[in-house]
PDB file of N, CA and C in Angstrom:
ATOM      1  N   MET A   1     -13.961  25.578  -9.130  1.00  0.00           N
ATOM      2  CA  MET A   1     -13.115  24.587  -8.492  1.00  0.00           C
ATOM      3  C   MET A   1     -12.565  25.116  -7.165  1.00  0.00           C
ATOM      4  N   ALA A   2     -13.018  26.239  -6.713  1.00  0.00           N
ATOM      5  CA  ALA A   2     -12.494  26.843  -5.490  1.00  0.00           C
ATOM      6  C   ALA A   2     -12.754  25.991  -4.263  1.00  0.00           C
ATOM      7  N   ASP A   3     -13.757  25.114  -4.325  1.00  0.00           N
ATOM      8  CA  ASP A   3     -14.048  24.276  -3.173  1.00  0.00           C
ATOM      9  C   ASP A   3     -13.365  22.909  -3.248  1.00  0.00           C
ATOM     10  N   CYS A   4     -12.575  22.682  -4.261  1.00  0.00           N
ATOM     11  CA  CYS A   4     -11.842  21.421  -4.403  1.00  0.00           C
ATOM     12  C   CYS A   4     -10.716  21.389  -3.361  1.00  0.00           C
ATOM     13  N   THR A   5     -10.619  20.299  -2.640  1.00  0.00           N
ATOM     14  CA  THR A   5      -9.587  20.212  -1.607  1.00  0.00           C
ATOM     15  C   THR A   5      -8.505  19.188  -1.921  1.00  0.00           C
ATOM     16  N   ALA A   6      -8.712  18.380  -2.971  1.00  0.00           N
ATOM     17  CA  ALA A   6      -7.731  17.340  -3.258  1.00  0.00           C
ATOM     18  C   ALA A   6      -7.654  17.030  -4.746  1.00  0.00           C
ATOM     19  N   LEU A   7      -6.484  16.555  -5.153  1.00  0.00           N
ATOM     20  CA  LEU A   7      -6.197  16.171  -6.526  1.00  0.00           C
ATOM     21  C   LEU A   7      -5.549  14.797  -6.497  1.00  0.00           C
ATOM     22  N   TYR A   8      -5.984  13.905  -7.384  1.00  0.00           N
ATOM     23  CA  TYR A   8      -5.349  12.601  -7.538  1.00  0.00           C
ATOM     24  C   TYR A   8      -5.046  12.423  -9.010  1.00  0.00           C
ATOM     25  N   ASP A   9      -3.766  12.321  -9.343  1.00  0.00           N
ATOM     26  CA  ASP A   9      -3.346  12.148 -10.726  1.00  0.00           C
ATOM     27  C   ASP A   9      -2.593  10.828 -10.841  1.00  0.00           C
ATOM     28  N   ARG A  10      -3.279   9.829 -11.351  1.00  0.00           N
ATOM     29  CA  ARG A  10      -2.691   8.505 -11.545  1.00  0.00           C
ATOM     30  C   ARG A  10      -2.243   8.306 -12.984  1.00  0.00           C
ATOM     31  N   ALA A  11      -2.913   8.990 -13.906  1.00  0.00           N
ATOM     32  CA  ALA A  11      -2.612   8.704 -15.303  1.00  0.00           C
ATOM     33  C   ALA A  11      -2.745   9.905 -16.232  1.00  0.00           C
ATOM     34  N   ALA A  12      -2.988  11.089 -15.721  1.00  0.00           N
ATOM     35  CA  ALA A  12      -3.151  12.242 -16.614  1.00  0.00           C
ATOM     36  C   ALA A  12      -1.800  12.765 -17.106  1.00  0.00           C
ATOM     37  N   LEU A  13      -0.891  13.065 -16.200  1.00  0.00           N
ATOM     38  CA  LEU A  13       0.388  13.647 -16.595  1.00  0.00           C
ATOM     39  C   LEU A  13       1.162  12.698 -17.502  1.00  0.00           C
ATOM     40  N   ILE A  14       1.197  11.426 -17.181  1.00  0.00           N
ATOM     41  CA  ILE A  14       1.957  10.461 -17.983  1.00  0.00           C
ATOM     42  C   ILE A  14       1.262  10.113 -19.297  1.00  0.00           C
ATOM     43  N   ALA A  15       0.002  10.503 -19.453  1.00  0.00           N
ATOM     44  CA  ALA A  15      -0.719  10.241 -20.704  1.00  0.00           C
ATOM     45  C   ALA A  15      -0.409  11.286 -21.766  1.00  0.00           C
ATOM     46  N   LEU A  16       0.163  12.405 -21.350  1.00  0.00           N
ATOM     47  CA  LEU A  16       0.384  13.515 -22.267  1.00  0.00           C
ATOM     48  C   LEU A  16       1.802  13.536 -22.806  1.00  0.00           C
ATOM     49  N   PRO A  17       1.967  13.828 -24.099  1.00  0.00           N
ATOM     50  CA  PRO A  17       3.316  14.017 -24.634  1.00  0.00           C
ATOM     51  C   PRO A  17       3.942  15.273 -24.025  1.00  0.00           C
ATOM     52  N   SER A  18       5.237  15.356 -24.084  1.00  0.00           N
ATOM     53  CA  SER A  18       5.974  16.421 -23.387  1.00  0.00           C
ATOM     54  C   SER A  18       5.481  17.816 -23.753  1.00  0.00           C
ATOM     55  N   GLU A  19       5.097  18.044 -24.997  1.00  0.00           N
ATOM     56  CA  GLU A  19       4.681  19.390 -25.402  1.00  0.00           C
ATOM     57  C   GLU A  19       3.364  19.823 -24.765  1.00  0.00           C
ATOM     58  N   LEU A  20       2.565  18.889 -24.254  1.00  0.00           N
ATOM     59  CA  LEU A  20       1.298  19.232 -23.601  1.00  0.00           C
ATOM     60  C   LEU A  20       1.377  19.243 -22.073  1.00  0.00           C
ATOM     61  N   ARG A  21       2.396  18.642 -21.510  1.00  0.00           N
ATOM     62  CA  ARG A  21       2.481  18.534 -20.046  1.00  0.00           C
ATOM     63  C   ARG A  21       2.590  19.896 -19.355  1.00  0.00           C
ATOM     64  N   ARG A  22       3.333  20.813 -19.927  1.00  0.00           N
ATOM     65  CA  ARG A  22       3.488  22.146 -19.316  1.00  0.00           C
ATOM     66  C   ARG A  22       2.140  22.874 -19.282  1.00  0.00           C
ATOM     67  N   ARG A  23       1.371  22.801 -20.351  1.00  0.00           N
ATOM     68  CA  ARG A  23       0.042  23.433 -20.377  1.00  0.00           C
ATOM     69  C   ARG A  23      -0.885  22.792 -19.358  1.00  0.00           C
ATOM     70  N   TYR A  24      -0.828  21.477 -19.251  1.00  0.00           N
ATOM     71  CA  TYR A  24      -1.663  20.755 -18.283  1.00  0.00           C
ATOM     72  C   TYR A  24      -1.324  21.215 -16.855  1.00  0.00           C
ATOM     73  N   ALA A  25      -0.038  21.256 -16.525  1.00  0.00           N
ATOM     74  CA  ALA A  25       0.393  21.638 -15.178  1.00  0.00           C
ATOM     75  C   ALA A  25      -0.050  23.059 -14.847  1.00  0.00           C
ATOM     76  N   ALA A  26       0.088  23.975 -15.791  1.00  0.00           N
ATOM     77  CA  ALA A  26      -0.319  25.364 -15.557  1.00  0.00           C
ATOM     78  C   ALA A  26      -1.839  25.474 -15.418  1.00  0.00           C
ATOM     79  N   HIS A  27      -2.578  24.723 -16.225  1.00  0.00           N
ATOM     80  CA  HIS A  27      -4.042  24.764 -16.155  1.00  0.00           C
ATOM     81  C   HIS A  27      -4.547  24.246 -14.809  1.00  0.00           C
ATOM     82  N   VAL A  28      -4.032  23.107 -14.385  1.00  0.00           N
ATOM     83  CA  VAL A  28      -4.451  22.542 -13.096  1.00  0.00           C
ATOM     84  C   VAL A  28      -4.127  23.505 -11.967  1.00  0.00           C
ATOM     85  N   ALA A  29      -2.952  24.101 -12.012  1.00  0.00           N
ATOM     86  CA  ALA A  29      -2.573  25.068 -10.970  1.00  0.00           C
ATOM     87  C   ALA A  29      -3.488  26.282 -10.983  1.00  0.00           C
ATOM     88  N   ALA A  30      -3.936  26.694 -12.154  1.00  0.00           N
ATOM     89  CA  ALA A  30      -4.788  27.882 -12.257  1.00  0.00           C
ATOM     90  C   ALA A  30      -6.194  27.644 -11.715  1.00  0.00           C
ATOM     91  N   ILE A  31      -6.691  26.431 -11.820  1.00  0.00           N
ATOM     92  CA  ILE A  31      -8.080  26.193 -11.413  1.00  0.00           C
ATOM     93  C   ILE A  31      -8.229  25.661  -9.997  1.00  0.00           C
ATOM     94  N   LEU A  32      -7.145  25.217  -9.385  1.00  0.00           N
ATOM     95  CA  LEU A  32      -7.236  24.685  -8.023  1.00  0.00           C
ATOM     96  C   LEU A  32      -6.812  25.735  -6.999  1.00  0.00           C
ATOM     97  N   PRO A  33      -7.470  25.758  -5.850  1.00  0.00           N
ATOM     98  CA  PRO A  33      -7.187  26.790  -4.855  1.00  0.00           C
ATOM     99  C   PRO A  33      -5.903  26.527  -4.066  1.00  0.00           C
ATOM    100  N   VAL A  34      -5.395  27.583  -3.467  1.00  0.00           N
ATOM    101  CA  VAL A  34      -4.268  27.472  -2.540  1.00  0.00           C
ATOM    102  C   VAL A  34      -4.676  26.516  -1.425  1.00  0.00           C
ATOM    103  N   ASP A  35      -3.736  25.763  -0.931  1.00  0.00           N
ATOM    104  CA  ASP A  35      -3.895  24.765   0.128  1.00  0.00           C
ATOM    105  C   ASP A  35      -4.553  23.471  -0.334  1.00  0.00           C
ATOM    106  N   CYS A  36      -4.835  23.329  -1.623  1.00  0.00           N
ATOM    107  CA  CYS A  36      -5.308  22.056  -2.157  1.00  0.00           C
ATOM    108  C   CYS A  36      -4.167  21.039  -2.014  1.00  0.00           C
ATOM    109  N   ASN A  37      -4.504  19.814  -1.683  1.00  0.00           N
ATOM    110  CA  ASN A  37      -3.514  18.743  -1.561  1.00  0.00           C
ATOM    111  C   ASN A  37      -3.661  17.782  -2.719  1.00  0.00           C
ATOM    112  N   GLY A  38      -2.577  17.110  -3.047  1.00  0.00           N
ATOM    113  CA  GLY A  38      -2.628  16.190  -4.166  1.00  0.00           C
ATOM    114  C   GLY A  38      -1.728  14.998  -3.985  1.00  0.00           C
ATOM    115  N   LEU A  39      -2.023  13.979  -4.768  1.00  0.00           N
ATOM    116  CA  LEU A  39      -1.200  12.780  -4.851  1.00  0.00           C
ATOM    117  C   LEU A  39      -0.957  12.528  -6.333  1.00  0.00           C
ATOM    118  N   LEU A  40       0.296  12.481  -6.720  1.00  0.00           N
ATOM    119  CA  LEU A  40       0.693  12.268  -8.109  1.00  0.00           C
ATOM    120  C   LEU A  40       1.469  10.972  -8.204  1.00  0.00           C
ATOM    121  N   ILE A  41       1.103  10.135  -9.155  1.00  0.00           N
ATOM    122  CA  ILE A  41       1.842   8.910  -9.431  1.00  0.00           C
ATOM    123  C   ILE A  41       2.389   9.032 -10.848  1.00  0.00           C
ATOM    124  N   SER A  42       3.684   8.828 -10.973  1.00  0.00           N
ATOM    125  CA  SER A  42       4.358   9.009 -12.252  1.00  0.00           C
ATOM    126  C   SER A  42       5.179   7.769 -12.589  1.00  0.00           C
ATOM    127  N   LEU A  43       5.476   7.611 -13.859  1.00  0.00           N
ATOM    128  CA  LEU A  43       6.329   6.515 -14.330  1.00  0.00           C
ATOM    129  C   LEU A  43       7.572   7.095 -14.980  1.00  0.00           C
ATOM    130  N   ASP A  44       8.658   6.342 -14.912  1.00  0.00           N
ATOM    131  CA  ASP A  44       9.873   6.711 -15.619  1.00  0.00           C
ATOM    132  C   ASP A  44      10.497   5.451 -16.189  1.00  0.00           C
ATOM    133  N   TYR A  45      10.971   5.564 -17.408  1.00  0.00           N
ATOM    134  CA  TYR A  45      11.648   4.449 -18.084  1.00  0.00           C
ATOM    135  C   TYR A  45      12.527   5.042 -19.178  1.00  0.00           C
ATOM    136  N   PRO A  46      13.463   4.258 -19.723  1.00  0.00           N
ATOM    137  CA  PRO A  46      14.298   4.778 -20.809  1.00  0.00           C
ATOM    138  C   PRO A  46      13.415   5.131 -22.015  1.00  0.00           C
ATOM    139  N   PRO A  47      13.315   6.407 -22.362  1.00  0.00           N
ATOM    140  CA  PRO A  47      12.368   6.821 -23.410  1.00  0.00           C
ATOM    141  C   PRO A  47      12.638   6.222 -24.783  1.00  0.00           C
ATOM    142  N   GLU A  48      13.871   5.840 -25.033  1.00  0.00           N
ATOM    143  CA  GLU A  48      14.190   5.264 -26.338  1.00  0.00           C
ATOM    144  C   GLU A  48      13.679   3.823 -26.475  1.00  0.00           C
ATOM    145  N   GLU A  49      13.250   3.221 -25.372  1.00  0.00           N
ATOM    146  CA  GLU A  49      12.815   1.822 -25.403  1.00  0.00           C
ATOM    147  C   GLU A  49      11.324   1.642 -25.699  1.00  0.00           C
ATOM    148  N   MET A  50      10.538   2.700 -25.587  1.00  0.00           N
ATOM    149  CA  MET A  50       9.105   2.555 -25.815  1.00  0.00           C
ATOM    150  C   MET A  50       8.494   3.902 -26.176  1.00  0.00           C
ATOM    151  N   GLN A  51       7.573   3.867 -27.113  1.00  0.00           N
ATOM    152  CA  GLN A  51       6.784   5.045 -27.441  1.00  0.00           C
ATOM    153  C   GLN A  51       5.548   5.039 -26.549  1.00  0.00           C
ATOM    154  N   GLY A  52       5.281   6.152 -25.859  1.00  0.00           N
ATOM    155  CA  GLY A  52       4.104   6.216 -24.995  1.00  0.00           C
ATOM    156  C   GLY A  52       2.849   6.395 -25.809  1.00  0.00           C
ATOM    157  N   PRO A  53       1.742   6.518 -25.176  1.00  0.00           N
ATOM    158  CA  PRO A  53       1.535   6.585 -23.737  1.00  0.00           C
ATOM    159  C   PRO A  53       1.539   5.206 -23.093  1.00  0.00           C
ATOM    160  N   PRO A  54       1.786   5.143 -21.809  1.00  0.00           N
ATOM    161  CA  PRO A  54       2.179   6.248 -20.947  1.00  0.00           C
ATOM    162  C   PRO A  54       3.594   6.706 -21.280  1.00  0.00           C
ATOM    163  N   PHE A  55       3.836   7.974 -21.063  1.00  0.00           N
ATOM    164  CA  PHE A  55       5.135   8.572 -21.324  1.00  0.00           C
ATOM    165  C   PHE A  55       5.938   8.644 -20.030  1.00  0.00           C
ATOM    166  N   PRO A  56       7.267   8.558 -20.140  1.00  0.00           N
ATOM    167  CA  PRO A  56       8.086   8.694 -18.933  1.00  0.00           C
ATOM    168  C   PRO A  56       8.113  10.156 -18.473  1.00  0.00           C
ATOM    169  N   VAL A  57       7.930  10.364 -17.178  1.00  0.00           N
ATOM    170  CA  VAL A  57       8.033  11.694 -16.586  1.00  0.00           C
ATOM    171  C   VAL A  57       8.932  11.551 -15.358  1.00  0.00           C
ATOM    172  N   PRO A  58      10.229  11.807 -15.527  1.00  0.00           N
ATOM    173  CA  PRO A  58      11.164  11.654 -14.405  1.00  0.00           C
ATOM    174  C   PRO A  58      10.936  12.711 -13.325  1.00  0.00           C
ATOM    175  N   GLU A  59      11.506  12.467 -12.169  1.00  0.00           N
ATOM    176  CA  GLU A  59      11.338  13.392 -11.046  1.00  0.00           C
ATOM    177  C   GLU A  59      11.786  14.804 -11.396  1.00  0.00           C
ATOM    178  N   SER A  60      12.849  14.930 -12.149  1.00  0.00           N
ATOM    179  CA  SER A  60      13.326  16.273 -12.513  1.00  0.00           C
ATOM    180  C   SER A  60      12.253  17.043 -13.290  1.00  0.00           C
ATOM    181  N   GLU A  61      11.510  16.362 -14.149  1.00  0.00           N
ATOM    182  CA  GLU A  61      10.456  17.032 -14.907  1.00  0.00           C
ATOM    183  C   GLU A  61       9.242  17.325 -14.025  1.00  0.00           C
ATOM    184  N   VAL A  62       8.914  16.412 -13.124  1.00  0.00           N
ATOM    185  CA  VAL A  62       7.821  16.668 -12.174  1.00  0.00           C
ATOM    186  C   VAL A  62       8.121  17.952 -11.418  1.00  0.00           C
ATOM    187  N   ARG A  63       9.336  18.090 -10.923  1.00  0.00           N
ATOM    188  CA  ARG A  63       9.709  19.278 -10.142  1.00  0.00           C
ATOM    189  C   ARG A  63       9.734  20.540 -11.006  1.00  0.00           C
ATOM    190  N   GLU A  64      10.189  20.417 -12.245  1.00  0.00           N
ATOM    191  CA  GLU A  64      10.211  21.571 -13.150  1.00  0.00           C
ATOM    192  C   GLU A  64       8.793  22.040 -13.491  1.00  0.00           C
ATOM    193  N   LEU A  65       7.894  21.092 -13.779  1.00  0.00           N
ATOM    194  CA  LEU A  65       6.530  21.435 -14.182  1.00  0.00           C
ATOM    195  C   LEU A  65       5.672  21.928 -13.020  1.00  0.00           C
ATOM    196  N   LEU A  66       5.767  21.261 -11.882  1.00  0.00           N
ATOM    197  CA  LEU A  66       4.866  21.537 -10.770  1.00  0.00           C
ATOM    198  C   LEU A  66       5.473  22.422  -9.691  1.00  0.00           C
ATOM    199  N   GLY A  67       6.781  22.473  -9.614  1.00  0.00           N
ATOM    200  CA  GLY A  67       7.464  23.221  -8.568  1.00  0.00           C
ATOM    201  C   GLY A  67       7.059  24.673  -8.417  1.00  0.00           C
ATOM    202  N   PRO A  68       6.793  25.388  -9.507  1.00  0.00           N
ATOM    203  CA  PRO A  68       6.374  26.785  -9.345  1.00  0.00           C
ATOM    204  C   PRO A  68       5.022  26.947  -8.644  1.00  0.00           C
ATOM    205  N   PHE A  69       4.215  25.903  -8.632  1.00  0.00           N
ATOM    206  CA  PHE A  69       2.847  25.992  -8.099  1.00  0.00           C
ATOM    207  C   PHE A  69       2.619  25.158  -6.838  1.00  0.00           C
ATOM    208  N   TRP A  70       3.387  24.113  -6.697  1.00  0.00           N
ATOM    209  CA  TRP A  70       3.139  23.123  -5.651  1.00  0.00           C
ATOM    210  C   TRP A  70       4.386  22.885  -4.812  1.00  0.00           C
ATOM    211  N   GLN A  71       4.179  22.622  -3.549  1.00  0.00           N
ATOM    212  CA  GLN A  71       5.228  22.072  -2.699  1.00  0.00           C
ATOM    213  C   GLN A  71       5.199  20.576  -2.997  1.00  0.00           C
ATOM    214  N   ILE A  72       6.339  19.980  -3.305  1.00  0.00           N
ATOM    215  CA  ILE A  72       6.408  18.586  -3.735  1.00  0.00           C
ATOM    216  C   ILE A  72       7.210  17.782  -2.732  1.00  0.00           C
ATOM    217  N   GLU A  73       6.613  16.702  -2.266  1.00  0.00           N
ATOM    218  CA  GLU A  73       7.312  15.783  -1.371  1.00  0.00           C
ATOM    219  C   GLU A  73       7.349  14.411  -2.031  1.00  0.00           C
ATOM    220  N   SER A  74       8.534  13.903  -2.248  1.00  0.00           N
ATOM    221  CA  SER A  74       8.699  12.580  -2.829  1.00  0.00           C
ATOM    222  C   SER A  74       8.420  11.535  -1.754  1.00  0.00           C
ATOM    223  N   LEU A  75       7.477  10.636  -2.017  1.00  0.00           N
ATOM    224  CA  LEU A  75       7.103   9.623  -1.029  1.00  0.00           C
ATOM    225  C   LEU A  75       7.718   8.260  -1.313  1.00  0.00           C
ATOM    226  N   VAL A  76       7.629   7.809  -2.557  1.00  0.00           N
ATOM    227  CA  VAL A  76       8.083   6.456  -2.907  1.00  0.00           C
ATOM    228  C   VAL A  76       8.641   6.456  -4.325  1.00  0.00           C
ATOM    229  N   HIS A  77       9.727   5.725  -4.512  1.00  0.00           N
ATOM    230  CA  HIS A  77      10.260   5.405  -5.838  1.00  0.00           C
ATOM    231  C   HIS A  77      10.480   3.894  -5.821  1.00  0.00           C
ATOM    232  N   ALA A  78       9.827   3.185  -6.726  1.00  0.00           N
ATOM    233  CA  ALA A  78       9.926   1.729  -6.711  1.00  0.00           C
ATOM    234  C   ALA A  78      10.117   1.178  -8.116  1.00  0.00           C
ATOM    235  N   ASP A  79      10.965   0.168  -8.221  1.00  0.00           N
ATOM    236  CA  ASP A  79      11.136  -0.572  -9.467  1.00  0.00           C
ATOM    237  C   ASP A  79       9.936  -1.505  -9.600  1.00  0.00           C
ATOM    238  N   VAL A  80       9.121  -1.298 -10.625  1.00  0.00           N
ATOM    239  CA  VAL A  80       7.879  -2.066 -10.766  1.00  0.00           C
ATOM    240  C   VAL A  80       7.821  -2.858 -12.061  1.00  0.00           C
ATOM    241  N   LEU A  81       8.939  -2.995 -12.766  1.00  0.00           N
ATOM    242  CA  LEU A  81       8.931  -3.722 -14.039  1.00  0.00           C
ATOM    243  C   LEU A  81       8.495  -5.170 -13.843  1.00  0.00           C
ATOM    244  N   GLY A  82       8.959  -5.809 -12.770  1.00  0.00           N
ATOM    245  CA  GLY A  82       8.605  -7.205 -12.519  1.00  0.00           C
ATOM    246  C   GLY A  82       7.129  -7.423 -12.274  1.00  0.00           C
ATOM    247  N   GLU A  83       6.431  -6.383 -11.838  1.00  0.00           N
ATOM    248  CA  GLU A  83       4.996  -6.472 -11.572  1.00  0.00           C
ATOM    249  C   GLU A  83       4.153  -6.072 -12.776  1.00  0.00           C
ATOM    250  N   ASN A  84       4.803  -5.614 -13.842  1.00  0.00           N
ATOM    251  CA  ASN A  84       4.109  -5.102 -15.018  1.00  0.00           C
ATOM    252  C   ASN A  84       4.657  -5.758 -16.279  1.00  0.00           C
ATOM    253  N   TRP A  85       4.322  -7.019 -16.464  1.00  0.00           N
ATOM    254  CA  TRP A  85       4.870  -7.802 -17.570  1.00  0.00           C
ATOM    255  C   TRP A  85       4.555  -7.206 -18.935  1.00  0.00           C
ATOM    256  N   ARG A  86       3.464  -6.464 -19.058  1.00  0.00           N
ATOM    257  CA  ARG A  86       3.135  -5.855 -20.358  1.00  0.00           C
ATOM    258  C   ARG A  86       4.203  -4.860 -20.797  1.00  0.00           C
ATOM    259  N   PHE A  87       4.770  -4.145 -19.826  1.00  0.00           N
ATOM    260  CA  PHE A  87       5.832  -3.204 -20.172  1.00  0.00           C
ATOM    261  C   PHE A  87       7.104  -3.947 -20.558  1.00  0.00           C
ATOM    262  N   ALA A  88       7.399  -5.026 -19.887  1.00  0.00           N
ATOM    263  CA  ALA A  88       8.561  -5.838 -20.257  1.00  0.00           C
ATOM    264  C   ALA A  88       8.373  -6.396 -21.666  1.00  0.00           C
ATOM    265  N   GLU A  89       7.159  -6.816 -21.976  1.00  0.00           N
ATOM    266  CA  GLU A  89       6.873  -7.329 -23.323  1.00  0.00           C
ATOM    267  C   GLU A  89       7.028  -6.247 -24.389  1.00  0.00           C
ATOM    268  N   ARG A  90       6.828  -5.006 -24.010  1.00  0.00           N
ATOM    269  CA  ARG A  90       6.980  -3.898 -24.957  1.00  0.00           C
ATOM    270  C   ARG A  90       8.447  -3.487 -25.110  1.00  0.00           C
ATOM    271  N   GLY A  91       9.347  -4.159 -24.394  1.00  0.00           N
ATOM    272  CA  GLY A  91      10.769  -3.937 -24.572  1.00  0.00           C
ATOM    273  C   GLY A  91      11.458  -3.108 -23.518  1.00  0.00           C
ATOM    274  N   LEU A  92      10.767  -2.766 -22.438  1.00  0.00           N
ATOM    275  CA  LEU A  92      11.410  -1.967 -21.401  1.00  0.00           C
ATOM    276  C   LEU A  92      12.393  -2.786 -20.584  1.00  0.00           C
ATOM    277  N   SER A  93      13.519  -2.179 -20.262  1.00  0.00           N
ATOM    278  CA  SER A  93      14.513  -2.817 -19.398  1.00  0.00           C
ATOM    279  C   SER A  93      14.382  -2.323 -17.962  1.00  0.00           C
ATOM    280  N   ALA A  94      13.639  -1.223 -17.750  1.00  0.00           N
ATOM    281  CA  ALA A  94      13.454  -0.651 -16.418  1.00  0.00           C
ATOM    282  C   ALA A  94      12.142   0.127 -16.399  1.00  0.00           C
ATOM    283  N   LEU A  95      11.492   0.114 -15.240  1.00  0.00           N
ATOM    284  CA  LEU A  95      10.260   0.876 -15.051  1.00  0.00           C
ATOM    285  C   LEU A  95      10.186   1.281 -13.588  1.00  0.00           C
ATOM    286  N   GLN A  96      10.209   2.576 -13.353  1.00  0.00           N
ATOM    287  CA  GLN A  96      10.133   3.092 -11.990  1.00  0.00           C
ATOM    288  C   GLN A  96       8.826   3.840 -11.814  1.00  0.00           C
ATOM    289  N   GLU A  97       8.141   3.535 -10.718  1.00  0.00           N
ATOM    290  CA  GLU A  97       6.927   4.258 -10.357  1.00  0.00           C
ATOM    291  C   GLU A  97       7.256   5.147  -9.167  1.00  0.00           C
ATOM    292  N   SER A  98       6.822   6.396  -9.240  1.00  0.00           N
ATOM    293  CA  SER A  98       7.098   7.357  -8.178  1.00  0.00           C
ATOM    294  C   SER A  98       5.802   7.969  -7.692  1.00  0.00           C
ATOM    295  N   VAL A  99       5.736   8.210  -6.383  1.00  0.00           N
ATOM    296  CA  VAL A  99       4.558   8.810  -5.778  1.00  0.00           C
ATOM    297  C   VAL A  99       5.002  10.089  -5.070  1.00  0.00           C
ATOM    298  N   TYR A 100       4.234  11.155  -5.329  1.00  0.00           N
ATOM    299  CA  TYR A 100       4.546  12.466  -4.756  1.00  0.00           C
ATOM    300  C   TYR A 100       3.319  13.024  -4.023  1.00  0.00           C
ATOM    301  N   ARG A 101       3.576  13.649  -2.900  1.00  0.00           N
ATOM    302  CA  ARG A 101       2.536  14.406  -2.191  1.00  0.00           C
ATOM    303  C   ARG A 101       2.680  15.851  -2.631  1.00  0.00           C
ATOM    304  N   LEU A 102       1.566  16.474  -2.990  1.00  0.00           N
ATOM    305  CA  LEU A 102       1.561  17.849  -3.455  1.00  0.00           C
ATOM    306  C   LEU A 102       0.754  18.737  -2.508  1.00  0.00           C
ATOM    307  N   HIS A 103       1.194  19.974  -2.358  1.00  0.00           N
ATOM    308  CA  HIS A 103       0.447  20.962  -1.588  1.00  0.00           C
ATOM    309  C   HIS A 103       0.512  22.273  -2.375  1.00  0.00           C
ATOM    310  N   LYS A 104      -0.641  22.763  -2.798  1.00  0.00           N
ATOM    311  CA  LYS A 104      -0.718  23.968  -3.641  1.00  0.00           C
ATOM    312  C   LYS A 104      -0.344  25.208  -2.833  1.00  0.00           C
ATOM    313  N   ARG A 105       0.559  25.987  -3.408  1.00  0.00           N
ATOM    314  CA  ARG A 105       1.007  27.243  -2.784  1.00  0.00           C
ATOM    315  C   ARG A 105       0.051  28.370  -3.091  1.00  0.00           C
TER     316      ARG A 105
END
């Protein structure tokens, strides 16, 4: 993977339960080269309102998991519940989508 220059994570991190996310983050960091760039899209919602997947991964957890390996720039945080009626039907009262730019250290 040394020749990989970019990472796009739309649904991997949020698909994993919390006990697997740390292993995933460390594995991805181990196989991707320094200066690799990435785009991460994450979801956050009140965890007591729905059983994942997708699982909520708030910004604080993104920074905790990826911060040791990646420079993280928050690009967008948007309330997207109104655009995702399936989540409202599952009982969510809030749904935030966040986009981060990553740069591997």
